[in-house]
Amino acid sequence: MDFFRSVDFDADGRSELVVRDKKGRWWWAEWDGRKPSFIPVPTARPYPYIPFDGQMFAANEGNSLWLVTRPNNKWQKVQITAKSFVRMPMYHEVVKISDLDSDGNVNDALILTDFQTLEWWQRQKSGKLVFRDRLKLPKPCDTLIQAWAFHEWVACVLRLANSTKTAFISLEKGRLRWKGSFAYKFL
């Protein structure tokens, strides 16, 4: 095993394990105190990481990004088109999974689907992955740097394309809002 992570893909409040073996295969197991039985994860390449206690993860397959979760003992995958996975010579991150609505669950995904579109997806308690909002960005961005929530304030930092400048997005009343690139002067 060369990677493991505590997750909650079935959203039952109890941690499970995700591991990658030395051959690069991914496995999931419920942890109930007994020896776990490992079930194959239905994707070859989780992207770029699996968040601790996350209720879903993103996977890169071909030219698409997939959100993957495990409600009701079945894998569920939703295809999201994301065009900016890797542009040589730089690696560009296009997805962040976090608790954006401060409900205590790591069940929100922000995805930069192309250089000017940001989408918010959420895993509901039932396990269904639902689209919440889409924001057309007024300026091209190539990397999703950070996404976090602090009480009622939610922010996302993007890097403007071919630049070191950043732009900011907030989540207000269930909608993504462009806040501009002015704040980079203060960083």
N, C-alpha and C. Protein backbone atom coordinates (compact mmCIF):
# COMPACT_ATOMS: atom_id res chain seq x y z
N MET A 1 0.85 -1.17 0.00
CA MET A 1 0.00 0.00 0.00
C MET A 1 0.90 1.24 0.00
N ASP A 2 0.62 2.17 -0.92
CA ASP A 2 1.44 3.38 -0.95
C ASP A 2 0.63 4.66 -0.70
N PHE A 3 -0.69 4.52 -0.40
CA PHE A 3 -1.53 5.67 -0.09
C PHE A 3 -2.75 5.18 0.66
N PHE A 4 -3.17 5.91 1.68
CA PHE A 4 -4.46 5.60 2.32
C PHE A 4 -5.07 6.89 2.82
N ARG A 5 -6.37 6.87 2.97
CA ARG A 5 -7.09 8.06 3.39
C ARG A 5 -8.38 7.64 4.09
N SER A 6 -8.74 8.36 5.14
CA SER A 6 -10.01 8.19 5.82
C SER A 6 -11.06 9.00 5.06
N VAL A 7 -12.17 8.38 4.67
CA VAL A 7 -13.22 9.04 3.88
C VAL A 7 -14.59 8.67 4.46
N ASP A 8 -15.63 9.24 3.91
CA ASP A 8 -17.01 8.88 4.29
C ASP A 8 -17.87 8.90 3.03
N PHE A 9 -17.55 8.07 2.04
CA PHE A 9 -18.25 8.07 0.75
C PHE A 9 -19.72 7.71 0.87
N ASP A 10 -20.10 6.93 1.90
CA ASP A 10 -21.51 6.58 2.05
C ASP A 10 -22.25 7.55 2.98
N ALA A 11 -21.56 8.57 3.51
CA ALA A 11 -22.15 9.64 4.32
C ALA A 11 -22.95 9.13 5.51
N ASP A 12 -22.43 8.06 6.13
CA ASP A 12 -23.12 7.53 7.31
C ASP A 12 -22.51 8.04 8.61
N GLY A 13 -21.51 8.92 8.50
CA GLY A 13 -20.87 9.48 9.69
C GLY A 13 -19.75 8.62 10.24
N ARG A 14 -19.52 7.45 9.65
CA ARG A 14 -18.43 6.56 10.07
C ARG A 14 -17.37 6.53 8.97
N SER A 15 -16.14 6.56 9.38
CA SER A 15 -15.04 6.59 8.41
C SER A 15 -14.86 5.25 7.72
N GLU A 16 -14.51 5.35 6.44
CA GLU A 16 -14.06 4.19 5.67
C GLU A 16 -12.63 4.46 5.24
N LEU A 17 -12.02 3.50 4.58
CA LEU A 17 -10.66 3.65 4.09
C LEU A 17 -10.63 3.58 2.57
N VAL A 18 -9.79 4.39 1.98
CA VAL A 18 -9.43 4.27 0.57
C VAL A 18 -7.93 4.06 0.54
N VAL A 19 -7.49 3.05 -0.19
CA VAL A 19 -6.06 2.75 -0.29
C VAL A 19 -5.69 2.53 -1.75
N ARG A 20 -4.43 2.76 -2.04
CA ARG A 20 -3.87 2.44 -3.36
C ARG A 20 -2.77 1.41 -3.13
N ASP A 21 -2.85 0.31 -3.89
CA ASP A 21 -1.83 -0.72 -3.72
C ASP A 21 -0.60 -0.39 -4.58
N LYS A 22 0.41 -1.21 -4.45
CA LYS A 22 1.67 -0.94 -5.15
C LYS A 22 1.56 -1.06 -6.66
N LYS A 23 0.47 -1.67 -7.15
CA LYS A 23 0.26 -1.76 -8.59
C LYS A 23 -0.55 -0.58 -9.12
N GLY A 24 -0.91 0.35 -8.22
CA GLY A 24 -1.65 1.54 -8.62
C GLY A 24 -3.16 1.38 -8.62
N ARG A 25 -3.67 0.25 -8.12
CA ARG A 25 -5.12 0.03 -8.06
C ARG A 25 -5.68 0.67 -6.78
N TRP A 26 -6.91 1.19 -6.87
CA TRP A 26 -7.57 1.84 -5.75
C TRP A 26 -8.63 0.94 -5.15
N TRP A 27 -8.73 0.94 -3.79
CA TRP A 27 -9.65 0.08 -3.08
C TRP A 27 -10.36 0.87 -1.98
N TRP A 28 -11.60 0.46 -1.67
CA TRP A 28 -12.40 1.09 -0.62
C TRP A 28 -12.82 0.01 0.36
N ALA A 29 -12.86 0.35 1.67
CA ALA A 29 -13.31 -0.62 2.67
C ALA A 29 -14.01 0.09 3.81
N GLU A 30 -15.14 -0.50 4.24
CA GLU A 30 -15.79 -0.01 5.46
C GLU A 30 -14.97 -0.49 6.64
N TRP A 31 -14.97 0.30 7.68
CA TRP A 31 -14.20 -0.04 8.86
C TRP A 31 -15.16 -0.23 10.02
N ASP A 32 -15.37 -1.45 10.45
CA ASP A 32 -16.30 -1.73 11.55
C ASP A 32 -15.63 -2.47 12.70
N GLY A 33 -14.29 -2.43 12.73
CA GLY A 33 -13.56 -3.10 13.80
C GLY A 33 -13.09 -4.49 13.44
N ARG A 34 -13.71 -5.09 12.43
CA ARG A 34 -13.27 -6.41 11.96
C ARG A 34 -12.33 -6.21 10.77
N LYS A 35 -11.74 -7.30 10.35
CA LYS A 35 -10.86 -7.23 9.18
C LYS A 35 -11.67 -6.73 7.98
N PRO A 36 -11.25 -5.64 7.33
CA PRO A 36 -12.04 -5.10 6.22
C PRO A 36 -11.91 -5.93 4.96
N SER A 37 -12.98 -5.93 4.17
CA SER A 37 -12.90 -6.52 2.83
C SER A 37 -12.86 -5.34 1.86
N PHE A 38 -11.89 -5.36 0.99
CA PHE A 38 -11.66 -4.23 0.10
C PHE A 38 -12.41 -4.42 -1.22
N ILE A 39 -13.07 -3.35 -1.66
CA ILE A 39 -13.86 -3.32 -2.89
C ILE A 39 -13.16 -2.40 -3.88
N PRO A 40 -13.00 -2.80 -5.14
CA PRO A 40 -12.32 -1.93 -6.10
C PRO A 40 -13.07 -0.61 -6.30
N VAL A 41 -12.31 0.47 -6.38
CA VAL A 41 -12.86 1.78 -6.71
C VAL A 41 -13.00 1.83 -8.23
N PRO A 42 -14.13 2.30 -8.76
CA PRO A 42 -14.40 2.19 -10.20
C PRO A 42 -13.71 3.24 -11.06
N THR A 43 -12.49 3.54 -10.75
CA THR A 43 -11.73 4.47 -11.58
C THR A 43 -10.25 4.21 -11.37
N ALA A 44 -9.49 4.51 -12.38
CA ALA A 44 -8.05 4.25 -12.30
C ALA A 44 -7.27 5.43 -11.71
N ARG A 45 -7.82 6.66 -11.86
CA ARG A 45 -7.00 7.82 -11.50
C ARG A 45 -7.79 8.88 -10.72
N PRO A 46 -7.88 8.76 -9.39
CA PRO A 46 -8.44 9.87 -8.63
C PRO A 46 -7.62 11.14 -8.86
N TYR A 47 -8.27 12.26 -8.93
CA TYR A 47 -7.64 13.50 -9.38
C TYR A 47 -7.99 14.63 -8.46
N PRO A 48 -7.11 15.45 -8.03
CA PRO A 48 -5.68 15.20 -7.85
C PRO A 48 -5.40 14.52 -6.53
N TYR A 49 -6.41 14.46 -5.68
CA TYR A 49 -6.26 13.84 -4.37
C TYR A 49 -7.66 13.45 -3.88
N ILE A 50 -7.70 12.69 -2.79
CA ILE A 50 -8.96 12.36 -2.16
C ILE A 50 -8.97 13.10 -0.82
N PRO A 51 -9.95 13.97 -0.57
CA PRO A 51 -9.95 14.75 0.67
C PRO A 51 -10.26 13.89 1.89
N PHE A 52 -9.63 14.21 3.05
CA PHE A 52 -9.95 13.54 4.30
C PHE A 52 -11.43 13.73 4.61
N ASP A 53 -12.08 12.66 5.02
CA ASP A 53 -13.49 12.66 5.39
C ASP A 53 -14.41 13.11 4.27
N GLY A 54 -13.92 13.11 3.04
CA GLY A 54 -14.73 13.52 1.89
C GLY A 54 -15.83 12.52 1.59
N GLN A 55 -16.96 13.02 1.09
CA GLN A 55 -18.06 12.17 0.70
C GLN A 55 -18.04 11.87 -0.79
N MET A 56 -17.05 12.40 -1.49
CA MET A 56 -16.88 12.12 -2.92
C MET A 56 -15.44 12.44 -3.29
N PHE A 57 -15.07 12.04 -4.48
CA PHE A 57 -13.78 12.43 -5.02
C PHE A 57 -13.91 12.63 -6.51
N ALA A 58 -12.93 13.27 -7.10
CA ALA A 58 -12.91 13.50 -8.54
C ALA A 58 -11.93 12.51 -9.16
N ALA A 59 -12.25 12.07 -10.37
CA ALA A 59 -11.39 11.13 -11.08
C ALA A 59 -11.22 11.60 -12.51
N ASN A 60 -10.03 11.44 -13.02
CA ASN A 60 -9.70 11.82 -14.39
C ASN A 60 -9.71 10.56 -15.24
N GLU A 61 -10.61 10.52 -16.23
CA GLU A 61 -10.65 9.39 -17.16
C GLU A 61 -10.77 9.95 -18.57
N GLY A 62 -9.77 9.70 -19.38
CA GLY A 62 -9.76 10.24 -20.73
C GLY A 62 -9.75 11.75 -20.70
N ASN A 63 -10.64 12.38 -21.42
CA ASN A 63 -10.72 13.84 -21.44
C ASN A 63 -11.82 14.36 -20.53
N SER A 64 -12.26 13.56 -19.58
CA SER A 64 -13.35 13.97 -18.70
C SER A 64 -12.97 13.85 -17.24
N LEU A 65 -13.66 14.62 -16.45
CA LEU A 65 -13.56 14.53 -15.01
C LEU A 65 -14.86 13.90 -14.52
N TRP A 66 -14.75 13.01 -13.56
CA TRP A 66 -15.91 12.34 -12.98
C TRP A 66 -15.95 12.63 -11.50
N LEU A 67 -17.14 12.86 -10.94
CA LEU A 67 -17.33 12.88 -9.50
C LEU A 67 -17.82 11.51 -9.12
N VAL A 68 -17.25 10.94 -8.05
CA VAL A 68 -17.54 9.57 -7.67
C VAL A 68 -17.90 9.53 -6.18
N THR A 69 -18.95 8.80 -5.84
CA THR A 69 -19.36 8.60 -4.46
C THR A 69 -19.96 7.20 -4.33
N ARG A 70 -20.38 6.83 -3.11
CA ARG A 70 -20.87 5.45 -2.89
C ARG A 70 -22.11 5.44 -1.99
N PRO A 71 -23.27 5.86 -2.49
CA PRO A 71 -24.49 5.75 -1.69
C PRO A 71 -25.11 4.36 -1.83
N ASN A 72 -25.78 3.90 -0.78
CA ASN A 72 -26.55 2.64 -0.82
C ASN A 72 -25.75 1.45 -1.36
N ASN A 73 -24.48 1.36 -0.97
CA ASN A 73 -23.61 0.25 -1.36
C ASN A 73 -23.41 0.10 -2.86
N LYS A 74 -23.56 1.20 -3.62
CA LYS A 74 -23.31 1.18 -5.06
C LYS A 74 -22.47 2.41 -5.42
N TRP A 75 -21.57 2.25 -6.35
CA TRP A 75 -20.80 3.39 -6.83
C TRP A 75 -21.67 4.25 -7.73
N GLN A 76 -21.54 5.55 -7.60
CA GLN A 76 -22.21 6.48 -8.49
C GLN A 76 -21.15 7.41 -9.08
N LYS A 77 -21.20 7.54 -10.41
CA LYS A 77 -20.26 8.42 -11.11
C LYS A 77 -21.05 9.39 -11.98
N VAL A 78 -20.65 10.66 -11.93
CA VAL A 78 -21.26 11.67 -12.78
C VAL A 78 -20.14 12.30 -13.61
N GLN A 79 -20.32 12.30 -14.92
CA GLN A 79 -19.31 12.86 -15.82
C GLN A 79 -19.42 14.38 -15.88
N ILE A 80 -18.29 15.03 -15.70
CA ILE A 80 -18.19 16.48 -15.80
C ILE A 80 -17.12 16.74 -16.87
N THR A 81 -17.40 17.59 -17.81
CA THR A 81 -16.38 17.91 -18.80
C THR A 81 -15.48 19.00 -18.24
N ALA A 82 -14.21 18.73 -18.21
CA ALA A 82 -13.23 19.71 -17.75
C ALA A 82 -12.07 19.66 -18.72
N LYS A 83 -11.77 20.77 -19.34
CA LYS A 83 -10.81 20.79 -20.44
C LYS A 83 -9.39 21.16 -20.05
N SER A 84 -9.17 21.53 -18.81
CA SER A 84 -7.87 22.08 -18.46
C SER A 84 -7.09 21.22 -17.47
N PHE A 85 -7.13 19.88 -17.62
CA PHE A 85 -6.44 19.03 -16.66
C PHE A 85 -4.95 19.35 -16.57
N VAL A 86 -4.25 19.21 -17.65
CA VAL A 86 -2.81 19.42 -17.65
C VAL A 86 -2.43 20.18 -18.90
N ARG A 87 -1.69 21.24 -18.72
CA ARG A 87 -1.14 21.96 -19.86
C ARG A 87 0.36 22.06 -19.63
N MET A 88 1.12 21.47 -20.47
CA MET A 88 2.56 21.45 -20.29
C MET A 88 3.13 22.86 -20.45
N PRO A 89 4.20 23.20 -19.73
CA PRO A 89 4.90 22.34 -18.78
C PRO A 89 4.35 22.43 -17.36
N MET A 90 3.22 23.06 -17.15
CA MET A 90 2.70 23.32 -15.81
C MET A 90 1.50 22.44 -15.51
N TYR A 91 1.38 22.00 -14.28
CA TYR A 91 0.22 21.23 -13.82
C TYR A 91 -0.83 22.21 -13.32
N HIS A 92 -2.06 22.09 -13.76
CA HIS A 92 -3.13 22.99 -13.36
C HIS A 92 -4.22 22.21 -12.65
N GLU A 93 -4.53 22.60 -11.43
CA GLU A 93 -5.58 21.95 -10.67
C GLU A 93 -6.92 22.57 -11.01
N VAL A 94 -7.92 21.74 -11.27
CA VAL A 94 -9.22 22.25 -11.72
C VAL A 94 -10.38 21.85 -10.82
N VAL A 95 -10.13 21.15 -9.71
CA VAL A 95 -11.21 20.75 -8.82
C VAL A 95 -10.77 20.88 -7.36
N LYS A 96 -11.70 21.32 -6.52
CA LYS A 96 -11.50 21.36 -5.06
C LYS A 96 -12.75 20.78 -4.43
N ILE A 97 -12.57 19.86 -3.49
CA ILE A 97 -13.67 19.28 -2.74
C ILE A 97 -13.52 19.74 -1.30
N SER A 98 -14.59 20.30 -0.77
CA SER A 98 -14.51 20.93 0.54
C SER A 98 -15.91 21.01 1.13
N ASP A 99 -16.03 21.62 2.31
CA ASP A 99 -17.32 21.93 2.92
C ASP A 99 -17.59 23.40 2.66
N LEU A 100 -18.17 23.71 1.52
CA LEU A 100 -18.37 25.10 1.12
C LEU A 100 -19.58 25.76 1.76
N ASP A 101 -20.57 24.97 2.15
CA ASP A 101 -21.79 25.57 2.72
C ASP A 101 -21.83 25.48 4.24
N SER A 102 -20.70 25.13 4.86
CA SER A 102 -20.56 25.09 6.33
C SER A 102 -21.59 24.19 7.01
N ASP A 103 -21.96 23.08 6.36
CA ASP A 103 -22.92 22.16 6.98
C ASP A 103 -22.22 21.01 7.72
N GLY A 104 -20.88 21.06 7.78
CA GLY A 104 -20.12 20.03 8.47
C GLY A 104 -19.79 18.81 7.63
N ASN A 105 -20.15 18.83 6.34
CA ASN A 105 -19.89 17.71 5.44
C ASN A 105 -18.97 18.13 4.31
N VAL A 106 -17.96 17.32 4.04
CA VAL A 106 -17.05 17.57 2.92
C VAL A 106 -17.72 16.98 1.69
N ASN A 107 -18.72 17.71 1.15
CA ASN A 107 -19.57 17.18 0.09
C ASN A 107 -19.82 18.19 -1.04
N ASP A 108 -18.98 19.20 -1.15
CA ASP A 108 -19.11 20.21 -2.20
C ASP A 108 -17.89 20.16 -3.10
N ALA A 109 -18.12 20.28 -4.41
CA ALA A 109 -17.02 20.29 -5.38
C ALA A 109 -17.12 21.55 -6.23
N LEU A 110 -16.02 22.29 -6.32
CA LEU A 110 -15.90 23.38 -7.27
C LEU A 110 -15.02 22.89 -8.40
N ILE A 111 -15.47 23.09 -9.64
CA ILE A 111 -14.76 22.56 -10.79
C ILE A 111 -14.61 23.65 -11.84
N LEU A 112 -13.39 23.89 -12.26
CA LEU A 112 -13.10 24.81 -13.36
C LEU A 112 -13.22 23.98 -14.64
N THR A 113 -14.40 24.05 -15.28
CA THR A 113 -14.69 23.14 -16.40
C THR A 113 -14.04 23.57 -17.70
N ASP A 114 -13.81 24.82 -17.87
CA ASP A 114 -12.98 25.34 -18.95
C ASP A 114 -12.35 26.61 -18.40
N PHE A 115 -11.66 27.33 -19.19
CA PHE A 115 -10.91 28.46 -18.64
C PHE A 115 -11.79 29.63 -18.20
N GLN A 116 -13.10 29.57 -18.50
CA GLN A 116 -13.97 30.66 -18.08
C GLN A 116 -15.29 30.19 -17.47
N THR A 117 -15.33 28.96 -16.97
CA THR A 117 -16.55 28.46 -16.34
C THR A 117 -16.21 27.72 -15.05
N LEU A 118 -16.90 28.10 -13.97
CA LEU A 118 -16.74 27.44 -12.68
C LEU A 118 -18.09 26.83 -12.30
N GLU A 119 -18.09 25.53 -11.90
CA GLU A 119 -19.32 24.87 -11.50
C GLU A 119 -19.22 24.40 -10.06
N TRP A 120 -20.37 24.40 -9.37
CA TRP A 120 -20.49 23.91 -8.01
C TRP A 120 -21.41 22.70 -8.03
N TRP A 121 -20.90 21.55 -7.56
CA TRP A 121 -21.66 20.31 -7.44
C TRP A 121 -21.70 19.92 -5.98
N GLN A 122 -22.76 19.21 -5.58
CA GLN A 122 -22.90 18.82 -4.18
C GLN A 122 -23.49 17.42 -4.08
N ARG A 123 -23.00 16.67 -3.09
CA ARG A 123 -23.56 15.35 -2.79
C ARG A 123 -24.63 15.55 -1.73
N GLN A 124 -25.84 15.13 -2.04
CA GLN A 124 -26.93 15.23 -1.07
C GLN A 124 -26.88 14.05 -0.11
N LYS A 125 -27.61 14.14 0.99
CA LYS A 125 -27.65 13.05 1.97
C LYS A 125 -28.05 11.72 1.35
N SER A 126 -28.94 11.77 0.35
CA SER A 126 -29.39 10.54 -0.33
C SER A 126 -28.27 9.91 -1.15
N GLY A 127 -27.20 10.67 -1.38
CA GLY A 127 -26.09 10.17 -2.19
C GLY A 127 -26.10 10.72 -3.60
N LYS A 128 -27.18 11.36 -3.99
CA LYS A 128 -27.28 11.90 -5.34
C LYS A 128 -26.33 13.09 -5.50
N LEU A 129 -25.60 13.10 -6.61
CA LEU A 129 -24.73 14.22 -6.95
C LEU A 129 -25.54 15.22 -7.78
N VAL A 130 -25.65 16.45 -7.29
CA VAL A 130 -26.49 17.44 -7.96
C VAL A 130 -25.68 18.68 -8.33
N PHE A 131 -26.02 19.23 -9.46
CA PHE A 131 -25.45 20.49 -9.94
C PHE A 131 -26.12 21.62 -9.16
N ARG A 132 -25.31 22.55 -8.59
CA ARG A 132 -25.87 23.65 -7.80
C ARG A 132 -25.81 25.00 -8.51
N ASP A 133 -24.67 25.30 -9.17
CA ASP A 133 -24.56 26.61 -9.80
C ASP A 133 -23.41 26.61 -10.81
N ARG A 134 -23.50 27.54 -11.76
CA ARG A 134 -22.44 27.73 -12.77
C ARG A 134 -22.18 29.23 -12.88
N LEU A 135 -20.91 29.58 -12.96
CA LEU A 135 -20.52 30.99 -13.09
C LEU A 135 -19.61 31.14 -14.30
N LYS A 136 -20.03 31.98 -15.25
CA LYS A 136 -19.16 32.34 -16.36
C LYS A 136 -18.20 33.41 -15.85
N LEU A 137 -16.91 33.15 -15.94
CA LEU A 137 -15.90 34.08 -15.44
C LEU A 137 -15.62 35.15 -16.47
N PRO A 138 -15.52 36.42 -16.07
CA PRO A 138 -15.26 37.48 -17.03
C PRO A 138 -13.83 37.48 -17.56
N LYS A 139 -12.92 36.78 -16.85
CA LYS A 139 -11.53 36.68 -17.30
C LYS A 139 -11.13 35.21 -17.28
N PRO A 140 -10.33 34.78 -18.25
CA PRO A 140 -9.88 33.38 -18.26
C PRO A 140 -9.02 33.07 -17.03
N CYS A 141 -9.25 31.90 -16.44
CA CYS A 141 -8.47 31.41 -15.31
C CYS A 141 -8.01 30.00 -15.63
N ASP A 142 -6.80 29.65 -15.17
CA ASP A 142 -6.30 28.32 -15.52
C ASP A 142 -6.08 27.39 -14.34
N THR A 143 -6.20 27.89 -13.09
CA THR A 143 -5.97 27.04 -11.94
C THR A 143 -6.90 27.42 -10.80
N LEU A 144 -7.50 26.42 -10.19
CA LEU A 144 -8.30 26.60 -8.99
C LEU A 144 -7.36 26.40 -7.82
N ILE A 145 -6.98 27.49 -7.17
CA ILE A 145 -5.93 27.44 -6.15
C ILE A 145 -6.47 26.95 -4.81
N GLN A 146 -7.58 27.51 -4.37
CA GLN A 146 -8.05 27.23 -3.02
C GLN A 146 -9.56 27.46 -2.95
N ALA A 147 -10.22 26.74 -2.06
CA ALA A 147 -11.65 26.96 -1.79
C ALA A 147 -11.86 26.65 -0.32
N TRP A 148 -12.50 27.54 0.39
CA TRP A 148 -12.73 27.32 1.81
C TRP A 148 -13.96 28.06 2.29
N ALA A 149 -14.44 27.65 3.46
CA ALA A 149 -15.60 28.30 4.08
C ALA A 149 -15.20 28.74 5.48
N PHE A 150 -15.68 29.90 5.87
CA PHE A 150 -15.44 30.41 7.21
C PHE A 150 -16.74 31.05 7.68
N HIS A 151 -17.44 30.35 8.56
CA HIS A 151 -18.78 30.77 9.02
C HIS A 151 -19.68 30.96 7.81
N GLU A 152 -20.21 32.13 7.59
CA GLU A 152 -21.11 32.38 6.47
C GLU A 152 -20.36 32.83 5.21
N TRP A 153 -19.05 32.99 5.30
CA TRP A 153 -18.28 33.52 4.19
C TRP A 153 -17.56 32.38 3.49
N VAL A 154 -17.74 32.26 2.19
CA VAL A 154 -17.10 31.22 1.39
C VAL A 154 -16.30 31.89 0.30
N ALA A 155 -15.10 31.41 0.06
CA ALA A 155 -14.27 32.03 -0.97
C ALA A 155 -13.54 30.97 -1.79
N CYS A 156 -13.21 31.36 -2.98
CA CYS A 156 -12.46 30.52 -3.90
C CYS A 156 -11.43 31.42 -4.57
N VAL A 157 -10.22 30.93 -4.69
CA VAL A 157 -9.16 31.70 -5.33
C VAL A 157 -8.77 31.00 -6.63
N LEU A 158 -8.76 31.76 -7.71
CA LEU A 158 -8.37 31.26 -9.03
C LEU A 158 -7.15 32.04 -9.51
N ARG A 159 -6.33 31.40 -10.32
CA ARG A 159 -5.22 32.13 -10.93
C ARG A 159 -5.63 32.52 -12.34
N LEU A 160 -5.45 33.80 -12.65
CA LEU A 160 -5.76 34.27 -14.00
C LEU A 160 -4.83 33.59 -14.99
N ALA A 161 -5.35 33.25 -16.15
CA ALA A 161 -4.58 32.52 -17.17
C ALA A 161 -3.33 33.30 -17.57
N ASN A 162 -2.23 32.57 -17.71
CA ASN A 162 -0.95 33.12 -18.15
C ASN A 162 -0.52 34.31 -17.31
N SER A 163 -0.71 34.21 -15.99
CA SER A 163 -0.42 35.32 -15.10
C SER A 163 -0.11 34.79 -13.71
N THR A 164 0.46 35.64 -12.87
CA THR A 164 0.63 35.30 -11.46
C THR A 164 -0.47 35.94 -10.62
N LYS A 165 -1.36 36.70 -11.24
CA LYS A 165 -2.44 37.37 -10.52
C LYS A 165 -3.55 36.39 -10.19
N THR A 166 -4.28 36.70 -9.12
CA THR A 166 -5.38 35.85 -8.70
C THR A 166 -6.70 36.59 -8.80
N ALA A 167 -7.77 35.82 -8.83
CA ALA A 167 -9.13 36.35 -8.83
C ALA A 167 -9.89 35.62 -7.73
N PHE A 168 -10.95 36.25 -7.26
CA PHE A 168 -11.70 35.71 -6.13
C PHE A 168 -13.17 35.52 -6.48
N ILE A 169 -13.72 34.42 -5.95
CA ILE A 169 -15.12 34.06 -6.12
C ILE A 169 -15.69 33.88 -4.71
N SER A 170 -16.93 34.26 -4.50
CA SER A 170 -17.58 33.97 -3.23
C SER A 170 -18.86 33.20 -3.49
N LEU A 171 -19.37 32.57 -2.45
CA LEU A 171 -20.64 31.86 -2.50
C LEU A 171 -21.60 32.64 -1.62
N GLU A 172 -22.60 33.24 -2.25
CA GLU A 172 -23.54 34.09 -1.53
C GLU A 172 -24.97 33.63 -1.82
N LYS A 173 -25.70 33.27 -0.75
CA LYS A 173 -27.09 32.84 -0.87
C LYS A 173 -27.26 31.74 -1.93
N GLY A 174 -26.33 30.79 -1.91
CA GLY A 174 -26.43 29.66 -2.82
C GLY A 174 -25.98 29.92 -4.24
N ARG A 175 -25.33 31.06 -4.50
CA ARG A 175 -24.88 31.40 -5.86
C ARG A 175 -23.39 31.76 -5.83
N LEU A 176 -22.68 31.36 -6.88
CA LEU A 176 -21.29 31.75 -7.06
C LEU A 176 -21.25 33.18 -7.59
N ARG A 177 -20.36 34.01 -7.03
CA ARG A 177 -20.26 35.42 -7.42
C ARG A 177 -18.80 35.79 -7.67
N TRP A 178 -18.56 36.46 -8.79
CA TRP A 178 -17.23 36.98 -9.16
C TRP A 178 -16.93 38.18 -8.28
N LYS A 179 -15.76 38.19 -7.64
CA LYS A 179 -15.37 39.32 -6.79
C LYS A 179 -14.20 40.10 -7.38
N GLY A 180 -13.64 39.59 -8.44
CA GLY A 180 -12.60 40.34 -9.13
C GLY A 180 -11.19 39.95 -8.79
N SER A 181 -10.28 40.67 -9.39
CA SER A 181 -8.85 40.37 -9.24
C SER A 181 -8.10 41.47 -8.50
N PHE A 182 -8.81 42.43 -7.93
CA PHE A 182 -8.15 43.56 -7.28
C PHE A 182 -7.33 43.15 -6.07
N ALA A 183 -7.73 42.11 -5.34
CA ALA A 183 -7.10 41.77 -4.07
C ALA A 183 -5.69 41.22 -4.22
N TYR A 184 -5.27 40.85 -5.42
CA TYR A 184 -3.92 40.29 -5.55
C TYR A 184 -2.87 41.29 -5.11
N LYS A 185 -3.16 42.59 -5.17
CA LYS A 185 -2.21 43.63 -4.76
C LYS A 185 -1.89 43.53 -3.28
N PHE A 186 -2.79 42.92 -2.49
CA PHE A 186 -2.61 42.86 -1.05
C PHE A 186 -1.99 41.57 -0.60
N LEU A 187 -1.77 40.62 -1.49
CA LEU A 187 -1.22 39.32 -1.12
C LEU A 187 0.29 39.32 -1.12
